[in-house]
Amino acid sequence: SSLCLGLLAWLLKQGVPAEKLAYIKPMTQCVEK
């Protein structure tokens, strides 16, 4: 999850608009935010 966070931040810094990015954890064992 931390890698996903980091890559999302990297893409934002490269100029990719937030509305063009998405994240999903379709199967999970943890429900804490």
PDB file of all heavy atoms in Angstrom:
ATOM      1  N   SER A   1       0.820  -1.212   0.000  1.00  0.00           N
ATOM      2  CA  SER A   1       0.000   0.000   0.000  1.00  0.00           C
ATOM      3  C   SER A   1       0.853   1.260   0.000  1.00  0.00           C
ATOM      4  O   SER A   1       0.518   2.263  -0.641  1.00  0.00           O
ATOM      5  CB  SER A   1      -0.937   0.000   1.217  1.00  0.00           C
ATOM      6  OG  SER A   1      -1.824  -1.096   1.163  1.00  0.00           O
ATOM      7  N   SER A   2       1.980   1.215   0.720  1.00  0.00           N
ATOM      8  CA  SER A   2       2.874   2.377   0.750  1.00  0.00           C
ATOM      9  C   SER A   2       3.506   2.621  -0.615  1.00  0.00           C
ATOM     10  O   SER A   2       3.721   3.763  -1.012  1.00  0.00           O
ATOM     11  CB  SER A   2       3.965   2.169   1.804  1.00  0.00           C
ATOM     12  OG  SER A   2       3.394   2.147   3.094  1.00  0.00           O
ATOM     13  N   LEU A   3       3.804   1.543  -1.341  1.00  0.00           N
ATOM     14  CA  LEU A   3       4.316   1.716  -2.697  1.00  0.00           C
ATOM     15  C   LEU A   3       3.257   2.357  -3.586  1.00  0.00           C
ATOM     16  O   LEU A   3       3.565   3.268  -4.373  1.00  0.00           O
ATOM     17  CB  LEU A   3       4.750   0.371  -3.286  1.00  0.00           C
ATOM     18  CG  LEU A   3       5.211   0.445  -4.748  1.00  0.00           C
ATOM     19  CD1 LEU A   3       6.481   1.287  -4.888  1.00  0.00           C
ATOM     20  CD2 LEU A   3       5.440  -0.953  -5.318  1.00  0.00           C
ATOM     21  N   CYS A   4       2.014   1.889  -3.464  1.00  0.00           N
ATOM     22  CA  CYS A   4       0.935   2.511  -4.242  1.00  0.00           C
ATOM     23  C   CYS A   4       0.851   4.003  -3.944  1.00  0.00           C
ATOM     24  O   CYS A   4       0.723   4.832  -4.855  1.00  0.00           O
ATOM     25  CB  CYS A   4      -0.399   1.838  -3.915  1.00  0.00           C
ATOM     26  SG  CYS A   4      -0.561   0.138  -4.493  1.00  0.00           S
ATOM     27  N   LEU A   5       0.928   4.349  -2.661  1.00  0.00           N
ATOM     28  CA  LEU A   5       0.898   5.755  -2.252  1.00  0.00           C
ATOM     29  C   LEU A   5       2.037   6.526  -2.914  1.00  0.00           C
ATOM     30  O   LEU A   5       1.839   7.601  -3.490  1.00  0.00           O
ATOM     31  CB  LEU A   5       0.996   5.843  -0.726  1.00  0.00           C
ATOM     32  CG  LEU A   5       0.770   7.185  -0.028  1.00  0.00           C
ATOM     33  CD1 LEU A   5       0.513   6.966   1.451  1.00  0.00           C
ATOM     34  CD2 LEU A   5       1.929   8.156  -0.199  1.00  0.00           C
ATOM     35  N   GLY A   6       3.233   5.960  -2.847  1.00  0.00           N
ATOM     36  CA  GLY A   6       4.392   6.637  -3.412  1.00  0.00           C
ATOM     37  C   GLY A   6       4.291   6.831  -4.915  1.00  0.00           C
ATOM     38  O   GLY A   6       4.639   7.901  -5.442  1.00  0.00           O
ATOM     39  N   LEU A   7       3.798   5.834  -5.616  1.00  0.00           N
ATOM     40  CA  LEU A   7       3.682   5.946  -7.070  1.00  0.00           C
ATOM     41  C   LEU A   7       2.576   6.919  -7.470  1.00  0.00           C
ATOM     42  O   LEU A   7       2.704   7.635  -8.475  1.00  0.00           O
ATOM     43  CB  LEU A   7       3.434   4.562  -7.676  1.00  0.00           C
ATOM     44  CG  LEU A   7       4.614   3.584  -7.553  1.00  0.00           C
ATOM     45  CD1 LEU A   7       4.235   2.207  -8.076  1.00  0.00           C
ATOM     46  CD2 LEU A   7       5.844   4.113  -8.287  1.00  0.00           C
ATOM     47  N   LEU A   8       1.512   6.979  -6.683  1.00  0.00           N
ATOM     48  CA  LEU A   8       0.473   7.979  -6.940  1.00  0.00           C
ATOM     49  C   LEU A   8       1.037   9.382  -6.771  1.00  0.00           C
ATOM     50  O   LEU A   8       0.777  10.277  -7.591  1.00  0.00           O
ATOM     51  CB  LEU A   8      -0.702   7.762  -5.982  1.00  0.00           C
ATOM     52  CG  LEU A   8      -1.615   6.567  -6.274  1.00  0.00           C
ATOM     53  CD1 LEU A   8      -2.524   6.280  -5.079  1.00  0.00           C
ATOM     54  CD2 LEU A   8      -2.448   6.809  -7.537  1.00  0.00           C
ATOM     55  N   ALA A   9       1.830   9.572  -5.721  1.00  0.00           N
ATOM     56  CA  ALA A   9       2.454  10.878  -5.503  1.00  0.00           C
ATOM     57  C   ALA A   9       3.403  11.224  -6.644  1.00  0.00           C
ATOM     58  O   ALA A   9       3.449  12.370  -7.109  1.00  0.00           O
ATOM     59  CB  ALA A   9       3.202  10.880  -4.166  1.00  0.00           C
ATOM     60  N   TRP A  10       4.163  10.251  -7.090  1.00  0.00           N
ATOM     61  CA  TRP A  10       5.110  10.474  -8.193  1.00  0.00           C
ATOM     62  C   TRP A  10       4.364  10.909  -9.449  1.00  0.00           C
ATOM     63  O   TRP A  10       4.792  11.840 -10.136  1.00  0.00           O
ATOM     64  CB  TRP A  10       5.905   9.202  -8.454  1.00  0.00           C
ATOM     65  CG  TRP A  10       6.985   9.367  -9.488  1.00  0.00           C
ATOM     66  CD1 TRP A  10       8.267   9.789  -9.273  1.00  0.00           C
ATOM     67  CD2 TRP A  10       6.869   9.126 -10.900  1.00  0.00           C
ATOM     68  NE1 TRP A  10       8.965   9.819 -10.473  1.00  0.00           N
ATOM     69  CE2 TRP A  10       8.135   9.414 -11.482  1.00  0.00           C
ATOM     70  CE3 TRP A  10       5.835   8.677 -11.721  1.00  0.00           C
ATOM     71  CZ2 TRP A  10       8.381   9.273 -12.841  1.00  0.00           C
ATOM     72  CZ3 TRP A  10       6.075   8.545 -13.090  1.00  0.00           C
ATOM     73  CH2 TRP A  10       7.341   8.845 -13.636  1.00  0.00           C
ATOM     74  N   LEU A  11       3.262  10.251  -9.749  1.00  0.00           N
ATOM     75  CA  LEU A  11       2.483  10.603 -10.943  1.00  0.00           C
ATOM     76  C   LEU A  11       1.879  11.998 -10.816  1.00  0.00           C
ATOM     77  O   LEU A  11       1.845  12.759 -11.794  1.00  0.00           O
ATOM     78  CB  LEU A  11       1.386   9.557 -11.178  1.00  0.00           C
ATOM     79  CG  LEU A  11       1.903   8.202 -11.684  1.00  0.00           C
ATOM     80  CD1 LEU A  11       0.822   7.137 -11.544  1.00  0.00           C
ATOM     81  CD2 LEU A  11       2.365   8.304 -13.137  1.00  0.00           C
ATOM     82  N   LEU A  12       1.414  12.342  -9.617  1.00  0.00           N
ATOM     83  CA  LEU A  12       0.901  13.707  -9.408  1.00  0.00           C
ATOM     84  C   LEU A  12       1.991  14.733  -9.680  1.00  0.00           C
ATOM     85  O   LEU A  12       1.755  15.749 -10.335  1.00  0.00           O
ATOM     86  CB  LEU A  12       0.384  13.858  -7.974  1.00  0.00           C
ATOM     87  CG  LEU A  12      -0.957  13.222  -7.618  1.00  0.00           C
ATOM     88  CD1 LEU A  12      -1.235  13.391  -6.131  1.00  0.00           C
ATOM     89  CD2 LEU A  12      -2.094  13.839  -8.443  1.00  0.00           C
ATOM     90  N   LYS A  13       3.190  14.460  -9.186  1.00  0.00           N
ATOM     91  CA  LYS A  13       4.286  15.409  -9.387  1.00  0.00           C
ATOM     92  C   LYS A  13       4.673  15.509 -10.851  1.00  0.00           C
ATOM     93  O   LYS A  13       5.157  16.558 -11.305  1.00  0.00           O
ATOM     94  CB  LYS A  13       5.497  15.004  -8.550  1.00  0.00           C
ATOM     95  CG  LYS A  13       6.593  16.073  -8.560  1.00  0.00           C
ATOM     96  CD  LYS A  13       7.735  15.757  -7.614  1.00  0.00           C
ATOM     97  CE  LYS A  13       8.769  16.876  -7.650  1.00  0.00           C
ATOM     98  NZ  LYS A  13       9.918  16.600  -6.759  1.00  0.00           N
ATOM     99  N   GLN A  14       4.457  14.436 -11.611  1.00  0.00           N
ATOM    100  CA  GLN A  14       4.751  14.465 -13.046  1.00  0.00           C
ATOM    101  C   GLN A  14       3.690  15.222 -13.848  1.00  0.00           C
ATOM    102  O   GLN A  14       3.828  15.406 -15.047  1.00  0.00           O
ATOM    103  CB  GLN A  14       4.876  13.039 -13.604  1.00  0.00           C
ATOM    104  CG  GLN A  14       5.920  12.176 -12.932  1.00  0.00           C
ATOM    105  CD  GLN A  14       7.281  12.827 -12.876  1.00  0.00           C
ATOM    106  OE1 GLN A  14       7.835  13.225 -13.901  1.00  0.00           O
ATOM    107  NE2 GLN A  14       7.814  12.948 -11.658  1.00  0.00           N
ATOM    108  N   GLY A  15       2.619  15.621 -13.156  1.00  0.00           N
ATOM    109  CA  GLY A  15       1.582  16.401 -13.827  1.00  0.00           C
ATOM    110  C   GLY A  15       0.346  15.625 -14.221  1.00  0.00           C
ATOM    111  O   GLY A  15      -0.543  16.170 -14.888  1.00  0.00           O
ATOM    112  N   VAL A  16       0.259  14.357 -13.828  1.00  0.00           N
ATOM    113  CA  VAL A  16      -0.955  13.590 -14.117  1.00  0.00           C
ATOM    114  C   VAL A  16      -2.061  14.099 -13.192  1.00  0.00           C
ATOM    115  O   VAL A  16      -1.898  14.105 -11.966  1.00  0.00           O
ATOM    116  CB  VAL A  16      -0.738  12.078 -13.895  1.00  0.00           C
ATOM    117  CG1 VAL A  16      -2.025  11.306 -14.177  1.00  0.00           C
ATOM    118  CG2 VAL A  16       0.393  11.564 -14.782  1.00  0.00           C
ATOM    119  N   PRO A  17      -3.188  14.538 -13.714  1.00  0.00           N
ATOM    120  CA  PRO A  17      -4.264  15.080 -12.865  1.00  0.00           C
ATOM    121  C   PRO A  17      -4.811  14.013 -11.917  1.00  0.00           C
ATOM    122  O   PRO A  17      -4.887  12.830 -12.261  1.00  0.00           O
ATOM    123  CB  PRO A  17      -5.338  15.505 -13.881  1.00  0.00           C
ATOM    124  CG  PRO A  17      -4.613  15.627 -15.181  1.00  0.00           C
ATOM    125  CD  PRO A  17      -3.521  14.602 -15.152  1.00  0.00           C
ATOM    126  N   ALA A  18      -5.203  14.432 -10.732  1.00  0.00           N
ATOM    127  CA  ALA A  18      -5.734  13.504  -9.738  1.00  0.00           C
ATOM    128  C   ALA A  18      -6.938  12.741 -10.263  1.00  0.00           C
ATOM    129  O   ALA A  18      -7.131  11.560  -9.937  1.00  0.00           O
ATOM    130  CB  ALA A  18      -6.100  14.263  -8.464  1.00  0.00           C
ATOM    131  N   GLU A  19      -7.742  13.406 -11.093  1.00  0.00           N
ATOM    132  CA  GLU A  19      -8.949  12.749 -11.606  1.00  0.00           C
ATOM    133  C   GLU A  19      -8.624  11.650 -12.624  1.00  0.00           C
ATOM    134  O   GLU A  19      -9.511  10.885 -13.018  1.00  0.00           O
ATOM    135  CB  GLU A  19      -9.902  13.763 -12.231  1.00  0.00           C
ATOM    136  CG  GLU A  19      -9.332  14.560 -13.391  1.00  0.00           C
ATOM    137  CD  GLU A  19      -8.697  15.870 -12.945  1.00  0.00           C
ATOM    138  OE1 GLU A  19      -8.319  15.978 -11.760  1.00  0.00           O
ATOM    139  OE2 GLU A  19      -8.595  16.779 -13.803  1.00  0.00           O
ATOM    140  N   LYS A  20      -7.368  11.549 -13.014  1.00  0.00           N
ATOM    141  CA  LYS A  20      -6.946  10.488 -13.930  1.00  0.00           C
ATOM    142  C   LYS A  20      -6.272   9.323 -13.200  1.00  0.00           C
ATOM    143  O   LYS A  20      -5.749   8.409 -13.826  1.00  0.00           O
ATOM    144  CB  LYS A  20      -5.979  11.048 -14.983  1.00  0.00           C
ATOM    145  CG  LYS A  20      -6.634  12.027 -15.951  1.00  0.00           C
ATOM    146  CD  LYS A  20      -7.713  11.342 -16.775  1.00  0.00           C
ATOM    147  CE  LYS A  20      -8.339  12.290 -17.782  1.00  0.00           C
ATOM    148  NZ  LYS A  20      -9.421  11.621 -18.580  1.00  0.00           N
ATOM    149  N   LEU A  21      -6.298   9.371 -11.860  1.00  0.00           N
ATOM    150  CA  LEU A  21      -5.671   8.329 -11.054  1.00  0.00           C
ATOM    151  C   LEU A  21      -6.715   7.620 -10.203  1.00  0.00           C
ATOM    152  O   LEU A  21      -7.734   8.198  -9.837  1.00  0.00           O
ATOM    153  CB  LEU A  21      -4.606   8.940 -10.137  1.00  0.00           C
ATOM    154  CG  LEU A  21      -3.460   9.690 -10.810  1.00  0.00           C
ATOM    155  CD1 LEU A  21      -2.584  10.365  -9.759  1.00  0.00           C
ATOM    156  CD2 LEU A  21      -2.627   8.751 -11.676  1.00  0.00           C
ATOM    157  N   ALA A  22      -6.447   6.348  -9.872  1.00  0.00           N
ATOM    158  CA  ALA A  22      -7.370   5.601  -9.016  1.00  0.00           C
ATOM    159  C   ALA A  22      -6.614   4.517  -8.268  1.00  0.00           C
ATOM    160  O   ALA A  22      -5.558   4.037  -8.710  1.00  0.00           O
ATOM    161  CB  ALA A  22      -8.498   4.989  -9.842  1.00  0.00           C
ATOM    162  N   TYR A  23      -7.181   4.138  -7.134  1.00  0.00           N
ATOM    163  CA  TYR A  23      -6.603   3.083  -6.276  1.00  0.00           C
ATOM    164  C   TYR A  23      -7.730   2.197  -5.782  1.00  0.00           C
ATOM    165  O   TYR A  23      -8.806   2.683  -5.406  1.00  0.00           O
ATOM    166  CB  TYR A  23      -5.890   3.718  -5.082  1.00  0.00           C
ATOM    167  CG  TYR A  23      -5.545   2.737  -3.980  1.00  0.00           C
ATOM    168  CD1 TYR A  23      -4.355   2.012  -4.004  1.00  0.00           C
ATOM    169  CD2 TYR A  23      -6.424   2.530  -2.918  1.00  0.00           C
ATOM    170  CE1 TYR A  23      -4.043   1.111  -2.992  1.00  0.00           C
ATOM    171  CE2 TYR A  23      -6.120   1.636  -1.900  1.00  0.00           C
ATOM    172  CZ  TYR A  23      -4.933   0.923  -1.943  1.00  0.00           C
ATOM    173  OH  TYR A  23      -4.631   0.026  -0.952  1.00  0.00           O
ATOM    174  N   ILE A  24      -7.486   0.881  -5.771  1.00  0.00           N
ATOM    175  CA  ILE A  24      -8.474  -0.043  -5.250  1.00  0.00           C
ATOM    176  C   ILE A  24      -7.776  -1.232  -4.594  1.00  0.00           C
ATOM    177  O   ILE A  24      -6.730  -1.681  -5.073  1.00  0.00           O
ATOM    178  CB  ILE A  24      -9.436  -0.537  -6.361  1.00  0.00           C
ATOM    179  CG1 ILE A  24     -10.547  -1.430  -5.775  1.00  0.00           C
ATOM    180  CG2 ILE A  24      -8.681  -1.275  -7.468  1.00  0.00           C
ATOM    181  CD1 ILE A  24     -11.654  -1.759  -6.766  1.00  0.00           C
ATOM    182  N   LYS A  25      -8.321  -1.680  -3.486  1.00  0.00           N
ATOM    183  CA  LYS A  25      -7.859  -2.920  -2.845  1.00  0.00           C
ATOM    184  C   LYS A  25      -9.049  -3.871  -2.860  1.00  0.00           C
ATOM    185  O   LYS A  25      -9.838  -3.927  -1.904  1.00  0.00           O
ATOM    186  CB  LYS A  25      -7.375  -2.661  -1.419  1.00  0.00           C
ATOM    187  CG  LYS A  25      -6.608  -3.843  -0.822  1.00  0.00           C
ATOM    188  CD  LYS A  25      -5.990  -3.467   0.517  1.00  0.00           C
ATOM    189  CE  LYS A  25      -5.209  -4.624   1.108  1.00  0.00           C
ATOM    190  NZ  LYS A  25      -3.965  -4.911   0.383  1.00  0.00           N
ATOM    191  N   PRO A  26      -9.222  -4.618  -3.940  1.00  0.00           N
ATOM    192  CA  PRO A  26     -10.456  -5.384  -4.151  1.00  0.00           C
ATOM    193  C   PRO A  26     -10.618  -6.588  -3.235  1.00  0.00           C
ATOM    194  O   PRO A  26     -11.731  -7.051  -3.007  1.00  0.00           O
ATOM    195  CB  PRO A  26     -10.347  -5.819  -5.608  1.00  0.00           C
ATOM    196  CG  PRO A  26      -8.878  -5.869  -5.873  1.00  0.00           C
ATOM    197  CD  PRO A  26      -8.299  -4.743  -5.075  1.00  0.00           C
ATOM    198  N   MET A  27      -9.499  -7.127  -2.732  1.00  0.00           N
ATOM    199  CA  MET A  27      -9.546  -8.200  -1.738  1.00  0.00           C
ATOM    200  C   MET A  27      -8.700  -7.753  -0.554  1.00  0.00           C
ATOM    201  O   MET A  27      -7.567  -7.297  -0.736  1.00  0.00           O
ATOM    202  CB  MET A  27      -8.986  -9.513  -2.309  1.00  0.00           C
ATOM    203  CG  MET A  27      -9.744 -10.039  -3.507  1.00  0.00           C
ATOM    204  SD  MET A  27      -9.144 -11.666  -4.061  1.00  0.00           S
ATOM    205  CE  MET A  27      -7.570 -11.209  -4.814  1.00  0.00           C
ATOM    206  N   THR A  28      -9.231  -7.872   0.643  1.00  0.00           N
ATOM    207  CA  THR A  28      -8.500  -7.361   1.795  1.00  0.00           C
ATOM    208  C   THR A  28      -8.756  -8.195   3.043  1.00  0.00           C
ATOM    209  O   THR A  28      -9.788  -8.852   3.165  1.00  0.00           O
ATOM    210  CB  THR A  28      -8.880  -5.893   2.072  1.00  0.00           C
ATOM    211  OG1 THR A  28      -8.071  -5.377   3.123  1.00  0.00           O
ATOM    212  CG2 THR A  28     -10.342  -5.778   2.466  1.00  0.00           C
ATOM    213  N   GLN A  29      -7.779  -8.167   3.938  1.00  0.00           N
ATOM    214  CA  GLN A  29      -7.924  -8.771   5.251  1.00  0.00           C
ATOM    215  C   GLN A  29      -8.021  -7.696   6.335  1.00  0.00           C
ATOM    216  O   GLN A  29      -8.383  -7.981   7.463  1.00  0.00           O
ATOM    217  CB  GLN A  29      -6.718  -9.675   5.546  1.00  0.00           C
ATOM    218  CG  GLN A  29      -6.595 -10.873   4.603  1.00  0.00           C
ATOM    219  CD  GLN A  29      -5.278 -11.589   4.745  1.00  0.00           C
ATOM    220  OE1 GLN A  29      -4.223 -10.962   4.760  1.00  0.00           O
ATOM    221  NE2 GLN A  29      -5.320 -12.914   4.839  1.00  0.00           N
ATOM    222  N   CYS A  30      -7.673  -6.468   5.969  1.00  0.00           N
ATOM    223  CA  CYS A  30      -7.631  -5.363   6.923  1.00  0.00           C
ATOM    224  C   CYS A  30      -8.641  -4.295   6.517  1.00  0.00           C
ATOM    225  O   CYS A  30      -8.660  -3.862   5.357  1.00  0.00           O
ATOM    226  CB  CYS A  30      -6.226  -4.757   6.968  1.00  0.00           C
ATOM    227  SG  CYS A  30      -6.079  -3.309   8.028  1.00  0.00           S
ATOM    228  N   VAL A  31      -9.478  -3.867   7.463  1.00  0.00           N
ATOM    229  CA  VAL A  31     -10.485  -2.858   7.140  1.00  0.00           C
ATOM    230  C   VAL A  31     -10.164  -1.507   7.783  1.00  0.00           C
ATOM    231  O   VAL A  31     -10.944  -0.566   7.673  1.00  0.00           O
ATOM    232  CB  VAL A  31     -11.893  -3.324   7.583  1.00  0.00           C
ATOM    233  CG1 VAL A  31     -12.313  -4.555   6.796  1.00  0.00           C
ATOM    234  CG2 VAL A  31     -11.936  -3.601   9.082  1.00  0.00           C
ATOM    235  N   GLU A  32      -9.017  -1.409   8.445  1.00  0.00           N
ATOM    236  CA  GLU A  32      -8.606  -0.135   9.019  1.00  0.00           C
ATOM    237  C   GLU A  32      -8.118   0.797   7.913  1.00  0.00           C
ATOM    238  O   GLU A  32      -7.497   0.368   6.940  1.00  0.00           O
ATOM    239  CB  GLU A  32      -7.486  -0.355  10.041  1.00  0.00           C
ATOM    240  CG  GLU A  32      -7.919  -1.167  11.255  1.00  0.00           C
ATOM    241  CD  GLU A  32      -6.773  -1.373  12.230  1.00  0.00           C
ATOM    242  OE1 GLU A  32      -5.661  -0.855  11.962  1.00  0.00           O
ATOM    243  OE2 GLU A  32      -6.983  -2.048  13.241  1.00  0.00           O
ATOM    244  N   LYS A  33      -8.367   2.083   8.082  1.00  0.00           N
ATOM    245  CA  LYS A  33      -7.972   3.063   7.071  1.00  0.00           C
ATOM    246  C   LYS A  33      -6.454   3.192   7.043  1.00  0.00           C
ATOM    247  O   LYS A  33      -5.817   3.435   8.065  1.00  0.00           O
ATOM    248  CB  LYS A  33      -8.624   4.417   7.358  1.00  0.00           C
ATOM    249  CG  LYS A  33      -8.416   5.445   6.268  1.00  0.00           C
ATOM    250  CD  LYS A  33      -9.229   6.708   6.509  1.00  0.00           C
ATOM    251  CE  LYS A  33     -10.697   6.470   6.229  1.00  0.00           C
ATOM    252  NZ  LYS A  33     -11.456   7.761   6.212  1.00  0.00           N
TER     253      LYS A  33
END
